[in-house]
């Protein structure tokens, strides 16, 4: 059975919060970082993963006010550290 995750992305200035669900968190984060899809993540530079949890929280979080989301993030990630793994460097993409 696949595991599904709800996640929150933000930008460097923390001005926009983006809540979504995925079964492939690493893959989706790579897409957000690469800017491969037009939309709000590309438009606002939302590449900083600041919260991730199982799907049970998604419906609840979607309906929360912005300040509630900020309080949740700061209770578990007070410095708003980027929680996504660093992209791997392949031989094709690294420079020698």
C-alpha atoms as a PDB file:
ATOM      1  CA  UNK A   1       0.000   0.000   0.000  1.00  0.00           C
ATOM      2  CA  UNK A   2       1.341   3.434  -0.963  1.00  0.00           C
ATOM      3  CA  UNK A   3       1.980   6.045   1.672  1.00  0.00           C
ATOM      4  CA  UNK A   4       0.598   9.505   1.019  1.00  0.00           C
ATOM      5  CA  UNK A   5       1.969  12.706   2.475  1.00  0.00           C
ATOM      6  CA  UNK A   6       0.710  16.215   2.930  1.00  0.00           C
ATOM      7  CA  UNK A   7       3.434  18.819   2.669  1.00  0.00           C
ATOM      8  CA  UNK A   8       3.841  22.568   2.971  1.00  0.00           C
ATOM      9  CA  UNK A   9       6.241  24.533   0.798  1.00  0.00           C
ATOM     10  CA  UNK A  10       7.209  28.163   1.132  1.00  0.00           C
ATOM     11  CA  UNK A  11       9.645  30.576  -0.444  1.00  0.00           C
ATOM     12  CA  UNK A  12      12.695  32.285   1.028  1.00  0.00           C
ATOM     13  CA  UNK A  13      10.625  35.189   2.370  1.00  0.00           C
ATOM     14  CA  UNK A  14       7.901  32.889   3.797  1.00  0.00           C
ATOM     15  CA  UNK A  15       5.278  35.020   2.055  1.00  0.00           C
ATOM     16  CA  UNK A  16       3.325  32.148   0.477  1.00  0.00           C
ATOM     17  CA  UNK A  17       2.323  28.751   1.868  1.00  0.00           C
ATOM     18  CA  UNK A  18       1.493  25.886  -0.504  1.00  0.00           C
ATOM     19  CA  UNK A  19      -0.278  22.760   0.828  1.00  0.00           C
ATOM     20  CA  UNK A  20      -0.463  19.623  -1.322  1.00  0.00           C
ATOM     21  CA  UNK A  21      -0.570  15.821  -1.185  1.00  0.00           C
ATOM     22  CA  UNK A  22       1.634  13.259  -2.922  1.00  0.00           C
ATOM     23  CA  UNK A  23       2.638   9.618  -2.755  1.00  0.00           C
ATOM     24  CA  UNK A  24       6.104  10.439  -4.128  1.00  0.00           C
ATOM     25  CA  UNK A  25       7.428  13.232  -1.940  1.00  0.00           C
ATOM     26  CA  UNK A  26      11.044  13.167  -3.153  1.00  0.00           C
ATOM     27  CA  UNK A  27       9.950  13.188  -6.801  1.00  0.00           C
ATOM     28  CA  UNK A  28       7.504  16.072  -6.299  1.00  0.00           C
ATOM     29  CA  UNK A  29      10.092  18.106  -4.406  1.00  0.00           C
ATOM     30  CA  UNK A  30      12.546  17.623  -7.265  1.00  0.00           C
ATOM     31  CA  UNK A  31       9.885  18.884  -9.689  1.00  0.00           C
ATOM     32  CA  UNK A  32       9.227  21.960  -7.540  1.00  0.00           C
ATOM     33  CA  UNK A  33      12.959  22.723  -7.281  1.00  0.00           C
ATOM     34  CA  UNK A  34      13.452  22.288 -11.027  1.00  0.00           C
ATOM     35  CA  UNK A  35      10.457  24.492 -11.866  1.00  0.00           C
ATOM     36  CA  UNK A  36       9.247  21.979 -14.452  1.00  0.00           C
ATOM     37  CA  UNK A  37       5.560  22.909 -14.073  1.00  0.00           C
ATOM     38  CA  UNK A  38       4.013  26.314 -14.528  1.00  0.00           C
ATOM     39  CA  UNK A  39       1.907  27.400 -11.590  1.00  0.00           C
ATOM     40  CA  UNK A  40       2.157  28.922  -8.156  1.00  0.00           C
ATOM     41  CA  UNK A  41       5.239  26.984  -7.028  1.00  0.00           C
ATOM     42  CA  UNK A  42       7.211  28.258 -10.016  1.00  0.00           C
ATOM     43  CA  UNK A  43       5.675  31.751  -9.922  1.00  0.00           C
ATOM     44  CA  UNK A  44       6.423  32.323  -6.231  1.00  0.00           C
ATOM     45  CA  UNK A  45       9.609  30.244  -5.923  1.00  0.00           C
ATOM     46  CA  UNK A  46       8.075  27.724  -3.526  1.00  0.00           C
ATOM     47  CA  UNK A  47      10.889  25.225  -3.101  1.00  0.00           C
ATOM     48  CA  UNK A  48      11.432  25.184   0.669  1.00  0.00           C
ATOM     49  CA  UNK A  49       9.817  22.171   2.370  1.00  0.00           C
ATOM     50  CA  UNK A  50       8.883  23.261   5.889  1.00  0.00           C
ATOM     51  CA  UNK A  51       6.366  20.586   6.908  1.00  0.00           C
ATOM     52  CA  UNK A  52       5.462  17.034   5.910  1.00  0.00           C
ATOM     53  CA  UNK A  53       3.038  14.558   7.474  1.00  0.00           C
ATOM     54  CA  UNK A  54       0.797  11.662   6.524  1.00  0.00           C
ATOM     55  CA  UNK A  55      -2.374  12.233   4.485  1.00  0.00           C
ATOM     56  CA  UNK A  56      -4.667  12.265   7.498  1.00  0.00           C
ATOM     57  CA  UNK A  57      -3.696  15.893   8.114  1.00  0.00           C
ATOM     58  CA  UNK A  58      -4.297  17.199   4.580  1.00  0.00           C
ATOM     59  CA  UNK A  59      -7.994  18.039   4.804  1.00  0.00           C
ATOM     60  CA  UNK A  60      -7.501  19.639   8.170  1.00  0.00           C
ATOM     61  CA  UNK A  61      -4.528  21.747   7.052  1.00  0.00           C
ATOM     62  CA  UNK A  62      -6.221  22.910   3.845  1.00  0.00           C
ATOM     63  CA  UNK A  63      -8.943  24.589   5.892  1.00  0.00           C
ATOM     64  CA  UNK A  64      -6.661  26.192   8.447  1.00  0.00           C
ATOM     65  CA  UNK A  65      -5.996  29.909   8.557  1.00  0.00           C
ATOM     66  CA  UNK A  66      -2.503  31.046   7.576  1.00  0.00           C
ATOM     67  CA  UNK A  67      -1.527  31.832  11.198  1.00  0.00           C
ATOM     68  CA  UNK A  68      -2.511  28.332  12.332  1.00  0.00           C
ATOM     69  CA  UNK A  69      -0.250  26.846   9.627  1.00  0.00           C
ATOM     70  CA  UNK A  70       2.592  29.130  10.675  1.00  0.00           C
ATOM     71  CA  UNK A  71       2.140  28.103  14.316  1.00  0.00           C
ATOM     72  CA  UNK A  72       2.229  24.421  13.330  1.00  0.00           C
ATOM     73  CA  UNK A  73       5.402  24.888  11.279  1.00  0.00           C
ATOM     74  CA  UNK A  74       7.103  26.877  14.028  1.00  0.00           C
ATOM     75  CA  UNK A  75       6.176  24.321  16.696  1.00  0.00           C
ATOM     76  CA  UNK A  76       8.014  21.597  14.765  1.00  0.00           C
ATOM     77  CA  UNK A  77      10.485  23.615  12.676  1.00  0.00           C
ATOM     78  CA  UNK A  78      11.068  26.949  14.476  1.00  0.00           C
ATOM     79  CA  UNK A  79      13.798  28.129  12.105  1.00  0.00           C
ATOM     80  CA  UNK A  80      11.837  27.179   8.995  1.00  0.00           C
ATOM     81  CA  UNK A  81      14.703  24.939   7.905  1.00  0.00           C
ATOM     82  CA  UNK A  82      14.325  23.364   4.484  1.00  0.00           C
ATOM     83  CA  UNK A  83      13.443  19.744   5.269  1.00  0.00           C
ATOM     84  CA  UNK A  84      13.768  18.412   1.736  1.00  0.00           C
ATOM     85  CA  UNK A  85      16.811  16.312   0.924  1.00  0.00           C
ATOM     86  CA  UNK A  86      19.553  17.927  -1.124  1.00  0.00           C
ATOM     87  CA  UNK A  87      19.415  16.972  -4.800  1.00  0.00           C
ATOM     88  CA  UNK A  88      21.896  14.311  -5.823  1.00  0.00           C
ATOM     89  CA  UNK A  89      24.587  15.255  -8.266  1.00  0.00           C
ATOM     90  CA  UNK A  90      24.741  12.907 -11.238  1.00  0.00           C
ATOM     91  CA  UNK A  91      27.765  12.596 -13.494  1.00  0.00           C
ATOM     92  CA  UNK A  92      25.668  14.258 -16.230  1.00  0.00           C
ATOM     93  CA  UNK A  93      24.772  17.314 -14.163  1.00  0.00           C
ATOM     94  CA  UNK A  94      27.962  17.901 -12.194  1.00  0.00           C
ATOM     95  CA  UNK A  95      30.726  20.005 -13.629  1.00  0.00           C
ATOM     96  CA  UNK A  96      34.315  18.830 -13.540  1.00  0.00           C
END
